[in-house]
Amino acid sequence: MPSTSSDTTVPPGVAAVIQRYQRTERRLRLAVAGPIAVAGGGAVIVLPLVVGLVVAAILVAAVRMPLLRPRGTAELTTDADPEAVVAAFTGPTPPLLAFQWGLADEIEETDDGAVYEFTYLLGLRSLEMETTARRLTPDDAAEGVELLITENGRPWARYEVRVADREDGTEVTVDWASQRRFGLGRLPQALAGRRHRTNVLTVQGYDIDRYDVTLV
C-alpha cells in the first residue's frame, strides 16, 4: 500500500478494488497485444524479411496512433456533506482518480493537490502525474472544483466538479475531458476502469446515477 511523507495512504477497500483492476487490465492487455504480436511475428516468418519487418512496424505504429481522447459526464450521490466532497476532490486522492493514486508508488500532497510517482520496467523508467485543484466561484445551486492533471508536465485531463446539497444527500456532477490523445495501447486501461469504476466509487461512499464516457 503506497505511503508518503504526507502520510497519505490508500484505504484497504480501494486497494482491494485496485488489485482486481490490475488483474483485469493485464488480461485485456494480453488480449490486445497477443494477436498483434502473433500477426507481426507471422509476417516476419512468412513474408520476405524486409517486407515482414515493415508490416510488423506498421502494426506497432497502428497501436500507438493517437486515436483515443476520452471525455464524459458522471452524476454521483453521497451521504457526505458538500464541504466534505469538495475537500475530497481538492485533496491528494480525488475519488474519480482512484485508478491513478491507487497505483502510485508515492503520493506527495501539495498545497493545491498532489504529485503521484510511478515506476515501471523494473524501475528503469518513471512517470510523474500532478493534480492541481482550485475552487470555482459558487453559483446559486452548487459549489465547484476545477481539477487539472498533468503527466510529466504535459496536460493530461481537466475535470469540472459541481457539488449541490440535496435533502437526501449530496449530488455531484463531473464533466471531464482528456487534454491529449492516446493510442490503442491505453484501451485495456479504459476497459478495466469501466468494469471496476462502480466498485471503486462505492467503497469511497459514492453511488453512480449516470456515467457516460466517449473514447474518441
Protein backbone atom coordinates (compact mmCIF):
# COMPACT_ATOMS: atom_id res chain seq x y z
CA MET A 1 0.00 0.00 0.00
CA PRO A 2 1.60 3.30 -1.04
CA SER A 3 2.53 5.79 1.64
CA THR A 4 4.37 9.10 1.57
CA SER A 5 5.93 11.75 3.73
CA SER A 6 2.47 13.33 3.93
CA ASP A 7 1.09 10.08 5.41
CA THR A 8 -1.37 9.71 2.53
CA THR A 9 -2.39 6.07 2.25
CA VAL A 10 -4.67 4.03 0.00
CA PRO A 11 -7.69 2.80 2.02
CA PRO A 12 -7.97 -1.01 2.21
CA GLY A 13 -11.29 -1.05 0.33
CA VAL A 14 -9.82 0.93 -2.56
CA ALA A 15 -6.66 -1.18 -2.54
CA ALA A 16 -8.74 -4.37 -2.93
CA VAL A 17 -10.55 -2.95 -5.96
CA ILE A 18 -7.25 -1.76 -7.44
CA GLN A 19 -5.87 -5.29 -7.26
CA ARG A 20 -8.86 -6.61 -9.21
CA TYR A 21 -8.49 -3.75 -11.68
CA GLN A 22 -4.84 -4.66 -12.26
CA ARG A 23 -5.71 -8.31 -12.95
CA THR A 24 -8.39 -7.28 -15.44
CA GLU A 25 -6.08 -4.75 -17.12
CA ARG A 26 -3.33 -7.36 -17.55
CA ARG A 27 -5.72 -9.84 -19.16
CA LEU A 28 -7.05 -7.18 -21.52
CA ARG A 29 -3.54 -6.05 -22.38
CA LEU A 30 -2.65 -9.60 -23.37
CA ALA A 31 -5.85 -9.85 -25.40
CA VAL A 32 -4.89 -6.71 -27.34
CA ALA A 33 -1.14 -7.27 -27.62
CA GLY A 34 -1.27 -11.02 -28.23
CA PRO A 35 -2.91 -11.01 -31.69
CA ILE A 36 -0.73 -8.08 -32.79
CA ALA A 37 2.43 -9.89 -31.70
CA VAL A 38 1.31 -13.07 -33.47
CA ALA A 39 0.44 -11.16 -36.65
CA GLY A 40 3.74 -9.28 -36.61
CA GLY A 41 5.77 -12.40 -35.93
CA GLY A 42 3.88 -14.30 -38.60
CA ALA A 43 4.57 -11.55 -41.13
CA VAL A 44 8.31 -11.71 -40.40
CA ILE A 45 8.31 -15.50 -40.80
CA VAL A 46 6.05 -15.84 -43.85
CA LEU A 47 6.97 -12.75 -45.85
CA PRO A 48 10.39 -11.69 -47.09
CA LEU A 49 12.36 -10.29 -44.16
CA VAL A 50 12.23 -6.62 -45.14
CA VAL A 51 8.53 -6.78 -46.01
CA GLY A 52 7.76 -8.66 -42.81
CA LEU A 53 9.59 -6.07 -40.71
CA VAL A 54 7.68 -3.28 -42.44
CA VAL A 55 4.36 -5.00 -41.71
CA ALA A 56 5.33 -5.52 -38.07
CA ALA A 57 6.34 -1.86 -37.78
CA ILE A 58 3.00 -0.78 -39.28
CA LEU A 59 1.13 -2.89 -36.72
CA VAL A 60 3.09 -1.35 -33.85
CA ALA A 61 2.52 2.15 -35.23
CA ALA A 62 -1.23 1.46 -35.54
CA VAL A 63 -1.41 0.59 -31.83
CA ARG A 64 0.47 3.75 -30.92
CA MET A 65 -1.52 6.03 -33.23
CA PRO A 66 -3.27 8.69 -31.09
CA LEU A 67 -6.90 7.89 -31.77
CA LEU A 68 -8.46 8.00 -28.30
CA ARG A 69 -9.46 11.18 -26.47
CA PRO A 70 -11.68 10.16 -23.54
CA ARG A 71 -14.30 12.54 -22.16
CA GLY A 72 -17.51 12.13 -20.24
CA THR A 73 -20.01 13.12 -17.60
CA ALA A 74 -20.84 11.48 -14.27
CA GLU A 75 -23.65 12.09 -11.83
CA LEU A 76 -22.98 10.77 -8.33
CA THR A 77 -24.69 10.91 -4.95
CA THR A 78 -23.21 10.51 -1.50
CA ASP A 79 -24.19 10.84 2.14
CA ALA A 80 -21.18 13.06 2.78
CA ASP A 81 -21.88 16.78 3.16
CA PRO A 82 -20.92 19.16 0.32
CA GLU A 83 -17.88 20.55 2.11
CA ALA A 84 -16.50 17.05 2.63
CA VAL A 85 -16.99 16.27 -1.06
CA VAL A 86 -15.20 19.47 -2.09
CA ALA A 87 -12.37 18.59 0.30
CA ALA A 88 -12.11 15.12 -1.25
CA PHE A 89 -11.80 16.49 -4.78
CA THR A 90 -9.30 19.17 -3.82
CA GLY A 91 -7.21 16.82 -1.69
CA PRO A 92 -4.49 14.33 -2.69
CA THR A 93 -6.91 11.48 -3.50
CA PRO A 94 -9.83 12.70 -5.68
CA PRO A 95 -12.47 9.93 -5.86
CA LEU A 96 -12.55 9.70 -9.67
CA LEU A 97 -8.76 9.34 -9.88
CA ALA A 98 -8.54 6.23 -7.69
CA PHE A 99 -7.07 4.19 -10.55
CA GLN A 100 -4.21 6.69 -10.65
CA TRP A 101 -3.37 7.40 -7.00
CA GLY A 102 -4.27 3.84 -6.04
CA LEU A 103 -1.43 2.55 -8.24
CA ALA A 104 1.14 5.23 -7.42
CA ASP A 105 4.40 4.23 -5.76
CA GLU A 106 4.35 7.51 -3.86
CA ILE A 107 1.70 10.15 -3.19
CA GLU A 108 3.06 13.54 -2.19
CA GLU A 109 0.49 16.07 -1.03
CA THR A 110 0.94 19.65 -2.26
CA ASP A 111 -0.74 22.93 -1.33
CA ASP A 112 -3.33 22.54 -4.11
CA GLY A 113 -3.37 18.84 -4.95
CA ALA A 114 -0.81 16.07 -5.14
CA VAL A 115 2.03 14.52 -7.11
CA TYR A 116 1.88 10.80 -7.93
CA GLU A 117 5.11 8.96 -8.70
CA PHE A 118 5.11 5.76 -10.78
CA THR A 119 7.99 3.46 -11.73
CA TYR A 120 7.90 0.68 -14.30
CA LEU A 121 10.16 -1.56 -16.38
CA LEU A 122 11.78 -2.79 -13.15
CA GLY A 123 12.41 0.76 -12.03
CA LEU A 124 14.24 1.80 -15.20
CA ARG A 125 11.59 4.35 -16.12
CA SER A 126 9.40 6.66 -14.10
CA LEU A 127 6.37 8.86 -14.60
CA GLU A 128 5.04 11.79 -12.59
CA MET A 129 1.40 12.83 -12.50
CA GLU A 130 0.34 16.04 -10.78
CA THR A 131 -3.10 17.30 -9.81
CA THR A 132 -3.90 20.97 -9.29
CA ALA A 133 -7.27 21.87 -7.78
CA ARG A 134 -9.00 25.19 -7.34
CA ARG A 135 -12.44 26.12 -6.15
CA LEU A 136 -14.77 27.62 -8.72
CA THR A 137 -16.92 30.60 -7.81
CA PRO A 138 -20.11 29.07 -6.35
CA ASP A 139 -23.38 29.79 -8.10
CA ASP A 140 -26.86 29.74 -6.59
CA ALA A 141 -27.14 25.96 -6.75
CA ALA A 142 -23.72 24.42 -6.25
CA GLU A 143 -20.10 24.74 -5.25
CA GLY A 144 -17.47 23.82 -7.76
CA VAL A 145 -13.95 22.49 -8.21
CA GLU A 146 -11.69 22.58 -11.24
CA LEU A 147 -9.13 19.79 -11.31
CA LEU A 148 -6.23 19.92 -13.78
CA ILE A 149 -3.95 16.91 -14.24
CA THR A 150 -0.58 16.81 -15.94
CA GLU A 151 1.62 13.85 -16.84
CA ASN A 152 5.35 14.59 -16.81
CA GLY A 153 4.46 18.25 -17.11
CA ARG A 154 2.17 17.77 -20.12
CA PRO A 155 -1.61 18.41 -19.95
CA TRP A 156 -3.44 15.13 -19.30
CA ALA A 157 -7.07 15.93 -18.35
CA ARG A 158 -9.40 18.54 -16.91
CA TYR A 159 -12.27 17.81 -14.52
CA GLU A 160 -15.04 20.22 -13.55
CA VAL A 161 -16.91 19.16 -10.43
CA ARG A 162 -20.21 20.67 -9.25
CA VAL A 163 -21.46 19.83 -5.75
CA ALA A 164 -25.02 20.54 -4.64
CA ASP A 165 -26.74 19.90 -1.30
CA ARG A 166 -29.95 17.85 -1.51
CA GLU A 167 -32.41 16.70 1.14
CA ASP A 168 -31.37 13.08 0.72
CA GLY A 169 -27.62 13.69 0.36
CA THR A 170 -25.12 15.48 -1.82
CA GLU A 171 -25.30 15.50 -5.61
CA VAL A 172 -22.02 15.54 -7.53
CA THR A 173 -21.84 16.27 -11.26
CA VAL A 174 -18.50 15.84 -13.01
CA ASP A 175 -17.59 16.78 -16.58
CA TRP A 176 -14.15 15.79 -17.77
CA ALA A 177 -12.11 15.64 -20.95
CA SER A 178 -8.67 14.41 -21.86
CA GLN A 179 -6.33 17.15 -22.99
CA ARG A 180 -4.30 14.82 -25.20
CA ARG A 181 -4.86 11.83 -27.45
CA PHE A 182 -3.80 8.27 -26.66
CA GLY A 183 -3.07 5.19 -28.71
CA LEU A 184 -4.99 1.93 -28.65
CA GLY A 185 -2.48 0.65 -26.12
CA ARG A 186 -4.44 2.61 -23.48
CA LEU A 187 -7.67 0.79 -24.35
CA PRO A 188 -7.12 -2.01 -21.77
CA GLN A 189 -6.88 0.60 -19.01
CA ALA A 190 -10.09 2.26 -20.16
CA LEU A 191 -11.99 -1.04 -20.34
CA ALA A 192 -10.68 -2.24 -16.96
CA GLY A 193 -11.64 1.09 -15.42
CA ARG A 194 -15.13 0.78 -16.87
CA ARG A 195 -15.55 -2.67 -15.33
CA HIS A 196 -14.42 -1.67 -11.84
CA ARG A 197 -15.45 2.00 -11.53
CA THR A 198 -18.72 1.26 -9.71
CA ASN A 199 -16.91 -0.73 -7.02
CA VAL A 200 -14.09 1.79 -6.59
CA LEU A 201 -16.58 4.62 -6.13
CA THR A 202 -18.86 2.59 -3.86
CA VAL A 203 -16.06 1.85 -1.38
CA GLN A 204 -15.42 5.61 -1.26
CA GLY A 205 -19.07 6.31 -0.43
CA TYR A 206 -20.43 7.33 -3.84
CA ASP A 207 -23.32 5.91 -5.85
CA ILE A 208 -23.43 6.29 -9.63
CA ASP A 209 -26.64 7.72 -11.07
CA ARG A 210 -25.21 8.26 -14.55
CA TYR A 211 -21.80 7.68 -16.11
CA ASP A 212 -21.33 8.45 -19.80
CA VAL A 213 -17.93 8.06 -21.49
CA THR A 214 -16.78 8.67 -25.07
CA LEU A 215 -13.36 7.41 -26.09
CA VAL A 216 -12.96 9.18 -29.44
